[in-house]
Amino acid sequence: MVAKTLLVLPRRFARAYTGGAPPDLRYSPPEVHRDWYAIVLGGSRADKGMLGFTSIKSAVPTQMTPQEADALHAYIIDRSWKAYNEQQNEQSRQK
C-alpha cells in the first residue's frame, strides 16, 4: 500500500506547489515532523507558501488523506536516513 501511494503522490500533488524551489525536506527540523499533519493537511504554514493539501482548490483532485500524508512522511524520513548514511560513508572514506 505504501509503495503504491508513493508512486501516485508525485503526479497527483506536484502541481499543487508553485513558485521557487521547494525546500529539501530531508533536512527538516524536529518541529516539522512534530507538526506534520498541521503543515501538510492543515496548511499551518500557508503564510510561508506551504498550503495544506486538504485546502487546495483546483480542477485536479488534490485532497490528501492521512494515510497518504503518513506515506509521504515515511518516504521523507527514509530519504533523510539515506542522505545521512551517504554523508557518513563519504566522511569515513575521506579519513
N, C-alpha and C. Protein backbone atom coordinates (compact mmCIF):
# COMPACT_ATOMS: atom_id res chain seq x y z
N MET A 1 0.81 -1.20 0.00
CA MET A 1 0.00 0.00 0.00
C MET A 1 0.86 1.26 0.00
N VAL A 2 1.89 1.30 0.87
CA VAL A 2 2.73 2.48 0.94
C VAL A 2 3.44 2.72 -0.39
N ALA A 3 4.01 1.66 -0.98
CA ALA A 3 4.71 1.82 -2.25
C ALA A 3 3.77 2.34 -3.33
N LYS A 4 2.57 1.82 -3.39
CA LYS A 4 1.60 2.28 -4.38
C LYS A 4 1.28 3.75 -4.16
N THR A 5 1.07 4.15 -2.90
CA THR A 5 0.77 5.54 -2.59
C THR A 5 1.92 6.44 -2.99
N LEU A 6 3.15 6.03 -2.71
CA LEU A 6 4.31 6.85 -3.05
C LEU A 6 4.44 7.04 -4.54
N LEU A 7 4.06 6.05 -5.31
CA LEU A 7 4.13 6.20 -6.77
C LEU A 7 3.11 7.21 -7.26
N VAL A 8 1.99 7.31 -6.58
CA VAL A 8 0.92 8.22 -7.00
C VAL A 8 1.19 9.65 -6.55
N LEU A 9 1.81 9.83 -5.42
CA LEU A 9 1.97 11.17 -4.86
C LEU A 9 2.63 12.18 -5.78
N PRO A 10 3.76 11.89 -6.40
CA PRO A 10 4.40 12.92 -7.21
C PRO A 10 3.50 13.45 -8.32
N ARG A 11 2.81 12.58 -9.04
CA ARG A 11 1.95 13.04 -10.13
C ARG A 11 0.76 13.82 -9.59
N ARG A 12 0.21 13.34 -8.51
CA ARG A 12 -1.03 13.90 -8.00
C ARG A 12 -0.83 15.24 -7.30
N PHE A 13 0.29 15.41 -6.62
CA PHE A 13 0.46 16.59 -5.79
C PHE A 13 1.53 17.55 -6.29
N ALA A 14 2.32 17.17 -7.24
CA ALA A 14 3.40 18.05 -7.72
C ALA A 14 2.85 19.36 -8.26
N ARG A 15 1.70 19.33 -8.88
CA ARG A 15 1.13 20.54 -9.46
C ARG A 15 0.65 21.53 -8.40
N ALA A 16 0.48 21.07 -7.18
CA ALA A 16 -0.03 21.95 -6.13
C ALA A 16 1.02 22.97 -5.69
N TYR A 17 2.29 22.66 -5.88
CA TYR A 17 3.36 23.57 -5.46
C TYR A 17 3.66 24.55 -6.58
N THR A 18 3.72 25.81 -6.25
CA THR A 18 4.06 26.81 -7.26
C THR A 18 5.06 27.80 -6.70
N GLY A 19 5.93 28.28 -7.58
CA GLY A 19 6.85 29.36 -7.24
C GLY A 19 8.10 28.92 -6.50
N GLY A 20 9.26 29.24 -7.06
CA GLY A 20 10.53 28.99 -6.40
C GLY A 20 10.86 27.52 -6.26
N ALA A 21 12.00 27.27 -5.67
CA ALA A 21 12.43 25.89 -5.43
C ALA A 21 11.88 25.43 -4.09
N PRO A 22 11.32 24.24 -4.04
CA PRO A 22 10.81 23.74 -2.76
C PRO A 22 11.97 23.41 -1.82
N PRO A 23 11.75 23.49 -0.52
CA PRO A 23 12.83 23.15 0.42
C PRO A 23 13.15 21.67 0.37
N ASP A 24 14.36 21.32 0.74
CA ASP A 24 14.78 19.92 0.81
C ASP A 24 14.31 19.36 2.14
N LEU A 25 13.23 18.62 2.12
CA LEU A 25 12.61 18.14 3.35
C LEU A 25 13.43 17.07 4.06
N ARG A 26 14.48 16.56 3.41
CA ARG A 26 15.34 15.59 4.08
C ARG A 26 16.02 16.22 5.29
N TYR A 27 16.15 17.52 5.30
CA TYR A 27 16.84 18.22 6.38
C TYR A 27 15.87 19.02 7.25
N SER A 28 14.66 18.55 7.36
CA SER A 28 13.64 19.22 8.16
C SER A 28 13.99 19.14 9.65
N PRO A 29 13.76 20.24 10.37
CA PRO A 29 13.99 20.21 11.82
C PRO A 29 12.91 19.39 12.52
N PRO A 30 13.14 19.02 13.77
CA PRO A 30 12.17 18.19 14.51
C PRO A 30 10.76 18.78 14.55
N GLU A 31 10.63 20.11 14.55
CA GLU A 31 9.30 20.72 14.61
C GLU A 31 8.44 20.34 13.40
N VAL A 32 9.06 20.19 12.25
CA VAL A 32 8.31 19.81 11.05
C VAL A 32 7.72 18.42 11.23
N HIS A 33 8.49 17.50 11.77
CA HIS A 33 7.98 16.14 11.99
C HIS A 33 6.90 16.13 13.06
N ARG A 34 7.08 16.93 14.09
CA ARG A 34 6.09 17.02 15.17
C ARG A 34 4.77 17.58 14.65
N ASP A 35 4.85 18.57 13.78
CA ASP A 35 3.66 19.27 13.29
C ASP A 35 3.22 18.81 11.89
N TRP A 36 3.62 17.62 11.50
CA TRP A 36 3.42 17.13 10.13
C TRP A 36 1.99 17.30 9.63
N TYR A 37 1.01 16.80 10.38
CA TYR A 37 -0.38 16.88 9.92
C TYR A 37 -0.85 18.33 9.81
N ALA A 38 -0.47 19.15 10.79
CA ALA A 38 -0.88 20.55 10.76
C ALA A 38 -0.32 21.26 9.53
N ILE A 39 0.91 20.90 9.15
CA ILE A 39 1.54 21.54 7.99
C ILE A 39 0.99 20.99 6.69
N VAL A 40 1.05 19.66 6.53
CA VAL A 40 0.72 19.03 5.25
C VAL A 40 -0.79 18.99 4.99
N LEU A 41 -1.56 18.67 6.00
CA LEU A 41 -3.01 18.58 5.80
C LEU A 41 -3.72 19.89 6.15
N GLY A 42 -3.28 20.53 7.22
CA GLY A 42 -3.99 21.71 7.71
C GLY A 42 -3.55 23.04 7.14
N GLY A 43 -2.35 23.08 6.56
CA GLY A 43 -1.88 24.33 5.97
C GLY A 43 -1.40 25.36 6.98
N SER A 44 -0.85 24.90 8.11
CA SER A 44 -0.40 25.84 9.13
C SER A 44 0.77 26.72 8.68
N ARG A 45 1.40 26.38 7.58
CA ARG A 45 2.49 27.21 7.05
C ARG A 45 2.11 27.86 5.73
N ALA A 46 0.84 28.11 5.55
CA ALA A 46 0.36 28.75 4.31
C ALA A 46 1.00 30.12 4.13
N ASP A 47 1.27 30.82 5.25
CA ASP A 47 1.90 32.14 5.16
C ASP A 47 3.32 32.07 4.62
N LYS A 48 3.92 30.85 4.63
CA LYS A 48 5.27 30.65 4.10
C LYS A 48 5.23 29.95 2.74
N GLY A 49 4.03 29.76 2.19
CA GLY A 49 3.90 29.17 0.86
C GLY A 49 3.53 27.71 0.84
N MET A 50 3.37 27.06 2.00
CA MET A 50 3.03 25.64 2.04
C MET A 50 1.56 25.50 2.40
N LEU A 51 0.72 25.42 1.36
CA LEU A 51 -0.70 25.23 1.58
C LEU A 51 -0.96 23.81 2.05
N GLY A 52 -2.01 23.61 2.80
CA GLY A 52 -2.40 22.27 3.21
C GLY A 52 -3.04 21.54 2.04
N PHE A 53 -2.76 20.27 1.91
CA PHE A 53 -3.29 19.52 0.79
C PHE A 53 -4.76 19.18 0.91
N THR A 54 -5.40 19.59 2.00
CA THR A 54 -6.85 19.41 2.08
C THR A 54 -7.57 20.70 1.73
N SER A 55 -6.81 21.79 1.50
CA SER A 55 -7.45 23.07 1.24
C SER A 55 -7.23 23.62 -0.16
N ILE A 56 -6.47 22.92 -0.99
CA ILE A 56 -6.16 23.43 -2.33
C ILE A 56 -7.36 23.21 -3.24
N LYS A 57 -7.76 24.25 -3.91
CA LYS A 57 -8.87 24.17 -4.87
C LYS A 57 -8.29 24.17 -6.27
N SER A 58 -8.58 23.13 -7.03
CA SER A 58 -8.10 23.05 -8.41
C SER A 58 -8.98 22.09 -9.19
N ALA A 59 -8.76 22.06 -10.49
CA ALA A 59 -9.52 21.16 -11.36
C ALA A 59 -9.11 19.71 -11.13
N VAL A 60 -7.88 19.51 -10.66
CA VAL A 60 -7.38 18.17 -10.38
C VAL A 60 -7.59 17.89 -8.89
N PRO A 61 -8.19 16.74 -8.55
CA PRO A 61 -8.40 16.45 -7.14
C PRO A 61 -7.07 16.43 -6.38
N THR A 62 -6.98 17.20 -5.29
CA THR A 62 -5.74 17.27 -4.53
C THR A 62 -5.94 16.95 -3.06
N GLN A 63 -7.06 16.40 -2.70
CA GLN A 63 -7.28 16.04 -1.30
C GLN A 63 -6.33 14.92 -0.91
N MET A 64 -5.55 15.15 0.12
CA MET A 64 -4.63 14.13 0.62
C MET A 64 -5.25 13.52 1.87
N THR A 65 -5.19 12.22 1.94
CA THR A 65 -5.70 11.52 3.11
C THR A 65 -4.61 11.45 4.18
N PRO A 66 -4.99 11.19 5.42
CA PRO A 66 -3.96 11.00 6.46
C PRO A 66 -3.01 9.84 6.12
N GLN A 67 -3.52 8.81 5.47
CA GLN A 67 -2.67 7.68 5.09
C GLN A 67 -1.63 8.11 4.05
N GLU A 68 -2.04 8.96 3.12
CA GLU A 68 -1.09 9.47 2.12
C GLU A 68 -0.07 10.40 2.78
N ALA A 69 -0.52 11.20 3.75
CA ALA A 69 0.40 12.07 4.48
C ALA A 69 1.42 11.24 5.25
N ASP A 70 0.97 10.13 5.84
CA ASP A 70 1.88 9.22 6.54
C ASP A 70 2.88 8.60 5.58
N ALA A 71 2.41 8.18 4.41
CA ALA A 71 3.30 7.58 3.41
C ALA A 71 4.34 8.59 2.93
N LEU A 72 3.93 9.81 2.71
CA LEU A 72 4.86 10.85 2.30
C LEU A 72 5.88 11.12 3.41
N HIS A 73 5.43 11.18 4.63
CA HIS A 73 6.31 11.41 5.77
C HIS A 73 7.32 10.27 5.89
N ALA A 74 6.86 9.03 5.77
CA ALA A 74 7.76 7.87 5.84
C ALA A 74 8.80 7.93 4.73
N TYR A 75 8.39 8.33 3.54
CA TYR A 75 9.32 8.45 2.42
C TYR A 75 10.39 9.50 2.71
N ILE A 76 9.98 10.65 3.24
CA ILE A 76 10.94 11.72 3.55
C ILE A 76 11.90 11.27 4.64
N ILE A 77 11.41 10.58 5.64
CA ILE A 77 12.29 10.08 6.70
C ILE A 77 13.27 9.06 6.13
N ASP A 78 12.81 8.18 5.27
CA ASP A 78 13.69 7.21 4.62
C ASP A 78 14.78 7.91 3.81
N ARG A 79 14.40 8.92 3.05
CA ARG A 79 15.39 9.68 2.26
C ARG A 79 16.36 10.42 3.17
N SER A 80 15.89 10.88 4.33
CA SER A 80 16.76 11.55 5.29
C SER A 80 17.85 10.60 5.80
N TRP A 81 17.44 9.38 6.13
CA TRP A 81 18.41 8.39 6.61
C TRP A 81 19.40 8.02 5.51
N LYS A 82 18.92 7.89 4.31
CA LYS A 82 19.83 7.57 3.20
C LYS A 82 20.85 8.69 3.00
N ALA A 83 20.41 9.93 3.06
CA ALA A 83 21.32 11.07 2.91
C ALA A 83 22.33 11.09 4.06
N TYR A 84 21.87 10.83 5.26
CA TYR A 84 22.76 10.80 6.42
C TYR A 84 23.81 9.71 6.27
N ASN A 85 23.37 8.51 5.90
CA ASN A 85 24.31 7.39 5.74
C ASN A 85 25.31 7.65 4.63
N GLU A 86 24.88 8.25 3.54
CA GLU A 86 25.80 8.60 2.46
C GLU A 86 26.84 9.61 2.94
N GLN A 87 26.40 10.58 3.71
CA GLN A 87 27.31 11.58 4.25
C GLN A 87 28.32 10.93 5.19
N GLN A 88 27.86 10.03 6.04
CA GLN A 88 28.76 9.33 6.96
C GLN A 88 29.77 8.48 6.20
N ASN A 89 29.33 7.78 5.18
CA ASN A 89 30.23 6.97 4.37
C ASN A 89 31.27 7.83 3.67
N GLU A 90 30.86 8.97 3.16
CA GLU A 90 31.78 9.88 2.49
C GLU A 90 32.83 10.40 3.46
N GLN A 91 32.40 10.74 4.66
CA GLN A 91 33.35 11.23 5.67
C GLN A 91 34.33 10.13 6.07
N SER A 92 33.86 8.88 6.15
CA SER A 92 34.75 7.76 6.50
C SER A 92 35.80 7.53 5.41
N ARG A 93 35.40 7.68 4.16
CA ARG A 93 36.35 7.49 3.06
C ARG A 93 37.41 8.59 3.02
N GLN A 94 37.08 9.78 3.49
CA GLN A 94 38.00 10.91 3.46
C GLN A 94 39.04 10.83 4.58
N LYS A 95 38.81 10.01 5.58
CA LYS A 95 39.75 9.90 6.70
C LYS A 95 40.93 9.04 6.36
